Amino acid sequence: EEVEVLMRDGRKLTGILGAADEEGFDLTWTT
């Protein structure tokens, strides 16, 4: 699904959520 990600460095990414684990998650987005 499409998600909005707010990074700690201030960036805002909107993309497709991929697999996730304890360390992190995959995200695909277009700029």
PDB file of all heavy atoms in Angstrom:
ATOM      1  N   GLU A   1       0.839  -1.203   0.000  1.00  0.00           N
ATOM      2  CA  GLU A   1       0.000   0.000   0.000  1.00  0.00           C
ATOM      3  C   GLU A   1       0.876   1.256   0.000  1.00  0.00           C
ATOM      4  O   GLU A   1       2.063   1.218   0.324  1.00  0.00           O
ATOM      5  CB  GLU A   1      -0.920   0.003   1.232  1.00  0.00           C
ATOM      6  CG  GLU A   1      -1.848  -1.188   1.321  1.00  0.00           C
ATOM      7  CD  GLU A   1      -2.951  -1.154   0.280  1.00  0.00           C
ATOM      8  OE1 GLU A   1      -3.162  -0.078  -0.336  1.00  0.00           O
ATOM      9  OE2 GLU A   1      -3.608  -2.189   0.084  1.00  0.00           O
ATOM     10  N   GLU A   2       0.249   2.366  -0.334  1.00  0.00           N
ATOM     11  CA  GLU A   2       0.972   3.642  -0.332  1.00  0.00           C
ATOM     12  C   GLU A   2       1.046   4.199   1.087  1.00  0.00           C
ATOM     13  O   GLU A   2       0.047   4.237   1.807  1.00  0.00           O
ATOM     14  CB  GLU A   2       0.270   4.647  -1.256  1.00  0.00           C
ATOM     15  CG  GLU A   2       1.075   5.923  -1.458  1.00  0.00           C
ATOM     16  CD  GLU A   2       0.415   6.864  -2.454  1.00  0.00           C
ATOM     17  OE1 GLU A   2      -0.807   6.733  -2.686  1.00  0.00           O
ATOM     18  OE2 GLU A   2       1.114   7.733  -2.997  1.00  0.00           O
ATOM     19  N   VAL A   3       2.232   4.621   1.478  1.00  0.00           N
ATOM     20  CA  VAL A   3       2.439   5.173   2.818  1.00  0.00           C
ATOM     21  C   VAL A   3       3.224   6.473   2.722  1.00  0.00           C
ATOM     22  O   VAL A   3       3.913   6.733   1.727  1.00  0.00           O
ATOM     23  CB  VAL A   3       3.187   4.180   3.734  1.00  0.00           C
ATOM     24  CG1 VAL A   3       2.352   2.941   3.992  1.00  0.00           C
ATOM     25  CG2 VAL A   3       4.547   3.813   3.153  1.00  0.00           C
ATOM     26  N   GLU A   4       3.106   7.253   3.768  1.00  0.00           N
ATOM     27  CA  GLU A   4       3.877   8.492   3.881  1.00  0.00           C
ATOM     28  C   GLU A   4       4.898   8.312   5.000  1.00  0.00           C
ATOM     29  O   GLU A   4       4.545   7.941   6.120  1.00  0.00           O
ATOM     30  CB  GLU A   4       2.951   9.667   4.197  1.00  0.00           C
ATOM     31  CG  GLU A   4       3.669  11.000   4.315  1.00  0.00           C
ATOM     32  CD  GLU A   4       2.728  12.129   4.712  1.00  0.00           C
ATOM     33  OE1 GLU A   4       2.512  12.317   5.925  1.00  0.00           O
ATOM     34  OE2 GLU A   4       2.193  12.791   3.800  1.00  0.00           O
ATOM     35  N   VAL A   5       6.151   8.563   4.688  1.00  0.00           N
ATOM     36  CA  VAL A   5       7.245   8.354   5.639  1.00  0.00           C
ATOM     37  C   VAL A   5       7.884   9.692   5.971  1.00  0.00           C
ATOM     38  O   VAL A   5       8.306  10.434   5.073  1.00  0.00           O
ATOM     39  CB  VAL A   5       8.310   7.399   5.058  1.00  0.00           C
ATOM     40  CG1 VAL A   5       9.431   7.177   6.072  1.00  0.00           C
ATOM     41  CG2 VAL A   5       7.680   6.074   4.652  1.00  0.00           C
ATOM     42  N   LEU A   6       7.926  10.006   7.254  1.00  0.00           N
ATOM     43  CA  LEU A   6       8.596  11.227   7.714  1.00  0.00           C
ATOM     44  C   LEU A   6       9.931  10.831   8.323  1.00  0.00           C
ATOM     45  O   LEU A   6       9.978  10.158   9.347  1.00  0.00           O
ATOM     46  CB  LEU A   6       7.733  11.964   8.739  1.00  0.00           C
ATOM     47  CG  LEU A   6       8.288  13.282   9.277  1.00  0.00           C
ATOM     48  CD1 LEU A   6       8.485  14.280   8.136  1.00  0.00           C
ATOM     49  CD2 LEU A   6       7.364  13.871  10.337  1.00  0.00           C
ATOM     50  N   MET A   7      11.011  11.222   7.655  1.00  0.00           N
ATOM     51  CA  MET A   7      12.349  10.875   8.107  1.00  0.00           C
ATOM     52  C   MET A   7      12.825  11.828   9.205  1.00  0.00           C
ATOM     53  O   MET A   7      12.352  12.961   9.311  1.00  0.00           O
ATOM     54  CB  MET A   7      13.322  10.921   6.921  1.00  0.00           C
ATOM     55  CG  MET A   7      12.925  10.048   5.735  1.00  0.00           C
ATOM     56  SD  MET A   7      12.953   8.285   6.140  1.00  0.00           S
ATOM     57  CE  MET A   7      14.722   8.033   6.390  1.00  0.00           C
ATOM     58  N   ARG A   8      13.778  11.379   9.986  1.00  0.00           N
ATOM     59  CA  ARG A   8      14.318  12.217  11.058  1.00  0.00           C
ATOM     60  C   ARG A   8      15.123  13.404  10.517  1.00  0.00           C
ATOM     61  O   ARG A   8      15.303  14.409  11.214  1.00  0.00           O
ATOM     62  CB  ARG A   8      15.203  11.381  11.988  1.00  0.00           C
ATOM     63  CG  ARG A   8      14.426  10.354  12.808  1.00  0.00           C
ATOM     64  CD  ARG A   8      15.285   9.727  13.882  1.00  0.00           C
ATOM     65  NE  ARG A   8      14.565   8.705  14.615  1.00  0.00           N
ATOM     66  CZ  ARG A   8      13.728   8.942  15.616  1.00  0.00           C
ATOM     67  NH1 ARG A   8      13.521  10.194  16.006  1.00  0.00           N
ATOM     68  NH2 ARG A   8      13.117   7.958  16.236  1.00  0.00           N
ATOM     69  N   ASP A   9      15.601  13.295   9.289  1.00  0.00           N
ATOM     70  CA  ASP A   9      16.355  14.408   8.700  1.00  0.00           C
ATOM     71  C   ASP A   9      15.441  15.447   8.053  1.00  0.00           C
ATOM     72  O   ASP A   9      15.905  16.397   7.425  1.00  0.00           O
ATOM     73  CB  ASP A   9      17.368  13.884   7.674  1.00  0.00           C
ATOM     74  CG  ASP A   9      16.715  13.130   6.515  1.00  0.00           C
ATOM     75  OD1 ASP A   9      15.483  13.168   6.399  1.00  0.00           O
ATOM     76  OD2 ASP A   9      17.439  12.488   5.739  1.00  0.00           O
ATOM     77  N   GLY A  10      14.118  15.255   8.201  1.00  0.00           N
ATOM     78  CA  GLY A  10      13.158  16.237   7.694  1.00  0.00           C
ATOM     79  C   GLY A  10      12.535  15.872   6.364  1.00  0.00           C
ATOM     80  O   GLY A  10      11.562  16.509   5.952  1.00  0.00           O
ATOM     81  N   ARG A  11      13.060  14.891   5.671  1.00  0.00           N
ATOM     82  CA  ARG A  11      12.494  14.495   4.376  1.00  0.00           C
ATOM     83  C   ARG A  11      11.140  13.818   4.560  1.00  0.00           C
ATOM     84  O   ARG A  11      10.910  13.152   5.571  1.00  0.00           O
ATOM     85  CB  ARG A  11      13.440  13.545   3.648  1.00  0.00           C
ATOM     86  CG  ARG A  11      14.701  14.177   3.107  1.00  0.00           C
ATOM     87  CD  ARG A  11      15.503  13.127   2.347  1.00  0.00           C
ATOM     88  NE  ARG A  11      15.911  12.029   3.219  1.00  0.00           N
ATOM     89  CZ  ARG A  11      16.182  10.806   2.790  1.00  0.00           C
ATOM     90  NH1 ARG A  11      16.063  10.518   1.498  1.00  0.00           N
ATOM     91  NH2 ARG A  11      16.568   9.863   3.642  1.00  0.00           N
ATOM     92  N   LYS A  12      10.282  14.005   3.593  1.00  0.00           N
ATOM     93  CA  LYS A  12       8.989  13.327   3.573  1.00  0.00           C
ATOM     94  C   LYS A  12       8.895  12.534   2.275  1.00  0.00           C
ATOM     95  O   LYS A  12       8.963  13.083   1.190  1.00  0.00           O
ATOM     96  CB  LYS A  12       7.838  14.333   3.665  1.00  0.00           C
ATOM     97  CG  LYS A  12       6.459  13.676   3.729  1.00  0.00           C
ATOM     98  CD  LYS A  12       5.353  14.705   3.725  1.00  0.00           C
ATOM     99  CE  LYS A  12       5.330  15.514   5.002  1.00  0.00           C
ATOM    100  NZ  LYS A  12       4.152  16.426   5.047  1.00  0.00           N
ATOM    101  N   LEU A  13       8.750  11.215   2.424  1.00  0.00           N
ATOM    102  CA  LEU A  13       8.706  10.319   1.272  1.00  0.00           C
ATOM    103  C   LEU A  13       7.334   9.670   1.183  1.00  0.00           C
ATOM    104  O   LEU A  13       6.774   9.262   2.202  1.00  0.00           O
ATOM    105  CB  LEU A  13       9.777   9.228   1.392  1.00  0.00           C
ATOM    106  CG  LEU A  13      11.217   9.690   1.655  1.00  0.00           C
ATOM    107  CD1 LEU A  13      12.128   8.495   1.867  1.00  0.00           C
ATOM    108  CD2 LEU A  13      11.712  10.554   0.510  1.00  0.00           C
ATOM    109  N   THR A  14       6.813   9.574  -0.010  1.00  0.00           N
ATOM    110  CA  THR A  14       5.544   8.894  -0.249  1.00  0.00           C
ATOM    111  C   THR A  14       5.784   7.809  -1.284  1.00  0.00           C
ATOM    112  O   THR A  14       6.215   8.097  -2.408  1.00  0.00           O
ATOM    113  CB  THR A  14       4.463   9.865  -0.754  1.00  0.00           C
ATOM    114  OG1 THR A  14       4.279  10.908   0.208  1.00  0.00           O
ATOM    115  CG2 THR A  14       3.146   9.139  -0.960  1.00  0.00           C
ATOM    116  N   GLY A  15       5.543   6.563  -0.875  1.00  0.00           N
ATOM    117  CA  GLY A  15       5.816   5.468  -1.788  1.00  0.00           C
ATOM    118  C   GLY A  15       5.085   4.202  -1.379  1.00  0.00           C
ATOM    119  O   GLY A  15       4.190   4.220  -0.528  1.00  0.00           O
ATOM    120  N   ILE A  16       5.493   3.097  -1.978  1.00  0.00           N
ATOM    121  CA  ILE A  16       4.851   1.811  -1.733  1.00  0.00           C
ATOM    122  C   ILE A  16       5.643   1.046  -0.677  1.00  0.00           C
ATOM    123  O   ILE A  16       6.859   0.862  -0.796  1.00  0.00           O
ATOM    124  CB  ILE A  16       4.752   0.990  -3.033  1.00  0.00           C
ATOM    125  CG1 ILE A  16       4.005   1.793  -4.106  1.00  0.00           C
ATOM    126  CG2 ILE A  16       4.053  -0.336  -2.770  1.00  0.00           C
ATOM    127  CD1 ILE A  16       2.596   2.205  -3.713  1.00  0.00           C
ATOM    128  N   LEU A  17       4.944   0.604   0.352  1.00  0.00           N
ATOM    129  CA  LEU A  17       5.576  -0.112   1.455  1.00  0.00           C
ATOM    130  C   LEU A  17       5.862  -1.553   1.049  1.00  0.00           C
ATOM    131  O   LEU A  17       5.010  -2.249   0.483  1.00  0.00           O
ATOM    132  CB  LEU A  17       4.655  -0.091   2.680  1.00  0.00           C
ATOM    133  CG  LEU A  17       5.146  -0.815   3.930  1.00  0.00           C
ATOM    134  CD1 LEU A  17       6.402  -0.146   4.478  1.00  0.00           C
ATOM    135  CD2 LEU A  17       4.046  -0.844   4.992  1.00  0.00           C
ATOM    136  N   GLY A  18       7.085  -1.986   1.351  1.00  0.00           N
ATOM    137  CA  GLY A  18       7.481  -3.359   1.070  1.00  0.00           C
ATOM    138  C   GLY A  18       7.586  -4.167   2.343  1.00  0.00           C
ATOM    139  O   GLY A  18       6.952  -3.853   3.361  1.00  0.00           O
ATOM    140  N   ALA A  19       8.393  -5.201   2.313  1.00  0.00           N
ATOM    141  CA  ALA A  19       8.560  -6.073   3.473  1.00  0.00           C
ATOM    142  C   ALA A  19       9.242  -5.323   4.613  1.00  0.00           C
ATOM    143  O   ALA A  19      10.044  -4.408   4.403  1.00  0.00           O
ATOM    144  CB  ALA A  19       9.383  -7.295   3.073  1.00  0.00           C
ATOM    145  N   ALA A  20       8.911  -5.725   5.842  1.00  0.00           N
ATOM    146  CA  ALA A  20       9.472  -5.077   7.024  1.00  0.00           C
ATOM    147  C   ALA A  20       9.973  -6.123   8.004  1.00  0.00           C
ATOM    148  O   ALA A  20       9.454  -7.242   8.072  1.00  0.00           O
ATOM    149  CB  ALA A  20       8.427  -4.182   7.688  1.00  0.00           C
ATOM    150  N   ASP A  21      10.995  -5.754   8.764  1.00  0.00           N
ATOM    151  CA  ASP A  21      11.489  -6.608   9.844  1.00  0.00           C
ATOM    152  C   ASP A  21      11.888  -5.718  11.017  1.00  0.00           C
ATOM    153  O   ASP A  21      11.558  -4.528  11.038  1.00  0.00           O
ATOM    154  CB  ASP A  21      12.658  -7.486   9.365  1.00  0.00           C
ATOM    155  CG  ASP A  21      13.803  -6.666   8.777  1.00  0.00           C
ATOM    156  OD1 ASP A  21      13.954  -5.484   9.149  1.00  0.00           O
ATOM    157  OD2 ASP A  21      14.555  -7.201   7.939  1.00  0.00           O
ATOM    158  N   GLU A  22      12.603  -6.288  11.973  1.00  0.00           N
ATOM    159  CA  GLU A  22      12.967  -5.537  13.174  1.00  0.00           C
ATOM    160  C   GLU A  22      13.903  -4.366  12.866  1.00  0.00           C
ATOM    161  O   GLU A  22      13.948  -3.397  13.613  1.00  0.00           O
ATOM    162  CB  GLU A  22      13.623  -6.470  14.190  1.00  0.00           C
ATOM    163  CG  GLU A  22      12.711  -7.563  14.728  1.00  0.00           C
ATOM    164  CD  GLU A  22      11.615  -7.016  15.622  1.00  0.00           C
ATOM    165  OE1 GLU A  22      11.744  -5.852  16.061  1.00  0.00           O
ATOM    166  OE2 GLU A  22      10.643  -7.744  15.885  1.00  0.00           O
ATOM    167  N   GLU A  23      14.659  -4.472  11.794  1.00  0.00           N
ATOM    168  CA  GLU A  23      15.638  -3.439  11.461  1.00  0.00           C
ATOM    169  C   GLU A  23      15.026  -2.279  10.682  1.00  0.00           C
ATOM    170  O   GLU A  23      15.383  -1.121  10.884  1.00  0.00           O
ATOM    171  CB  GLU A  23      16.786  -4.045  10.654  1.00  0.00           C
ATOM    172  CG  GLU A  23      17.612  -5.064  11.429  1.00  0.00           C
ATOM    173  CD  GLU A  23      18.326  -4.437  12.609  1.00  0.00           C
ATOM    174  OE1 GLU A  23      18.758  -3.271  12.487  1.00  0.00           O
ATOM    175  OE2 GLU A  23      18.449  -5.110  13.655  1.00  0.00           O
ATOM    176  N   GLY A  24      14.116  -2.587   9.765  1.00  0.00           N
ATOM    177  CA  GLY A  24      13.552  -1.535   8.932  1.00  0.00           C
ATOM    178  C   GLY A  24      12.542  -2.080   7.941  1.00  0.00           C
ATOM    179  O   GLY A  24      11.986  -3.165   8.136  1.00  0.00           O
ATOM    180  N   PHE A  25      12.322  -1.346   6.859  1.00  0.00           N
ATOM    181  CA  PHE A  25      11.319  -1.746   5.871  1.00  0.00           C
ATOM    182  C   PHE A  25      11.725  -1.237   4.496  1.00  0.00           C
ATOM    183  O   PHE A  25      12.464  -0.253   4.366  1.00  0.00           O
ATOM    184  CB  PHE A  25       9.936  -1.202   6.237  1.00  0.00           C
ATOM    185  CG  PHE A  25       9.894   0.298   6.389  1.00  0.00           C
ATOM    186  CD1 PHE A  25       9.564   1.121   5.311  1.00  0.00           C
ATOM    187  CD2 PHE A  25      10.187   0.900   7.603  1.00  0.00           C
ATOM    188  CE1 PHE A  25       9.527   2.499   5.432  1.00  0.00           C
ATOM    189  CE2 PHE A  25      10.153   2.286   7.736  1.00  0.00           C
ATOM    190  CZ  PHE A  25       9.825   3.083   6.657  1.00  0.00           C
ATOM    191  N   ASP A  26      11.231  -1.926   3.480  1.00  0.00           N
ATOM    192  CA  ASP A  26      11.505  -1.532   2.094  1.00  0.00           C
ATOM    193  C   ASP A  26      10.493  -0.487   1.638  1.00  0.00           C
ATOM    194  O   ASP A  26       9.304  -0.585   1.951  1.00  0.00           O
ATOM    195  CB  ASP A  26      11.435  -2.742   1.170  1.00  0.00           C
ATOM    196  CG  ASP A  26      12.529  -3.762   1.467  1.00  0.00           C
ATOM    197  OD1 ASP A  26      13.602  -3.344   1.928  1.00  0.00           O
ATOM    198  OD2 ASP A  26      12.288  -4.969   1.256  1.00  0.00           O
ATOM    199  N   LEU A  27      10.973   0.486   0.905  1.00  0.00           N
ATOM    200  CA  LEU A  27      10.099   1.520   0.355  1.00  0.00           C
ATOM    201  C   LEU A  27      10.516   1.821  -1.073  1.00  0.00           C
ATOM    202  O   LEU A  27      11.701   1.974  -1.378  1.00  0.00           O
ATOM    203  CB  LEU A  27      10.174   2.798   1.195  1.00  0.00           C
ATOM    204  CG  LEU A  27       9.188   3.906   0.786  1.00  0.00           C
ATOM    205  CD1 LEU A  27       7.770   3.525   1.199  1.00  0.00           C
ATOM    206  CD2 LEU A  27       9.576   5.250   1.403  1.00  0.00           C
ATOM    207  N   THR A  28       9.524   1.898  -1.944  1.00  0.00           N
ATOM    208  CA  THR A  28       9.745   2.285  -3.338  1.00  0.00           C
ATOM    209  C   THR A  28       8.987   3.575  -3.595  1.00  0.00           C
ATOM    210  O   THR A  28       7.778   3.650  -3.349  1.00  0.00           O
ATOM    211  CB  THR A  28       9.250   1.190  -4.310  1.00  0.00           C
ATOM    212  OG1 THR A  28       9.916  -0.046  -3.998  1.00  0.00           O
ATOM    213  CG2 THR A  28       9.546   1.568  -5.742  1.00  0.00           C
ATOM    214  N   TRP A  29       9.686   4.588  -4.086  1.00  0.00           N
ATOM    215  CA  TRP A  29       9.033   5.859  -4.344  1.00  0.00           C
ATOM    216  C   TRP A  29       9.611   6.506  -5.599  1.00  0.00           C
ATOM    217  O   TRP A  29      10.683   6.133  -6.076  1.00  0.00           O
ATOM    218  CB  TRP A  29       9.161   6.797  -3.139  1.00  0.00           C
ATOM    219  CG  TRP A  29      10.526   7.373  -2.895  1.00  0.00           C
ATOM    220  CD1 TRP A  29      10.977   8.597  -3.276  1.00  0.00           C
ATOM    221  CD2 TRP A  29      11.625   6.747  -2.205  1.00  0.00           C
ATOM    222  NE1 TRP A  29      12.270   8.794  -2.877  1.00  0.00           N
ATOM    223  CE2 TRP A  29      12.691   7.677  -2.216  1.00  0.00           C
ATOM    224  CE3 TRP A  29      11.805   5.512  -1.601  1.00  0.00           C
ATOM    225  CZ2 TRP A  29      13.926   7.398  -1.633  1.00  0.00           C
ATOM    226  CZ3 TRP A  29      13.039   5.222  -1.017  1.00  0.00           C
ATOM    227  CH2 TRP A  29      14.076   6.156  -1.035  1.00  0.00           C
ATOM    228  N   THR A  30       8.886   7.471  -6.121  1.00  0.00           N
ATOM    229  CA  THR A  30       9.265   8.128  -7.374  1.00  0.00           C
ATOM    230  C   THR A  30       9.434   9.625  -7.154  1.00  0.00           C
ATOM    231  O   THR A  30       8.627  10.256  -6.456  1.00  0.00           O
ATOM    232  CB  THR A  30       8.191   7.889  -8.457  1.00  0.00           C
ATOM    233  OG1 THR A  30       8.031   6.482  -8.654  1.00  0.00           O
ATOM    234  CG2 THR A  30       8.598   8.528  -9.772  1.00  0.00           C
ATOM    235  N   THR A  31      10.489  10.173  -7.722  1.00  0.00           N
ATOM    236  CA  THR A  31      10.721  11.619  -7.675  1.00  0.00           C
ATOM    237  C   THR A  31      10.903  12.140  -9.091  1.00  0.00           C
ATOM    238  O   THR A  31      11.275  11.396 -10.001  1.00  0.00           O
ATOM    239  CB  THR A  31      11.980  11.956  -6.849  1.00  0.00           C
ATOM    240  OG1 THR A  31      13.113  11.287  -7.421  1.00  0.00           O
ATOM    241  CG2 THR A  31      11.810  11.530  -5.401  1.00  0.00           C
TER     242      THR A  31
END
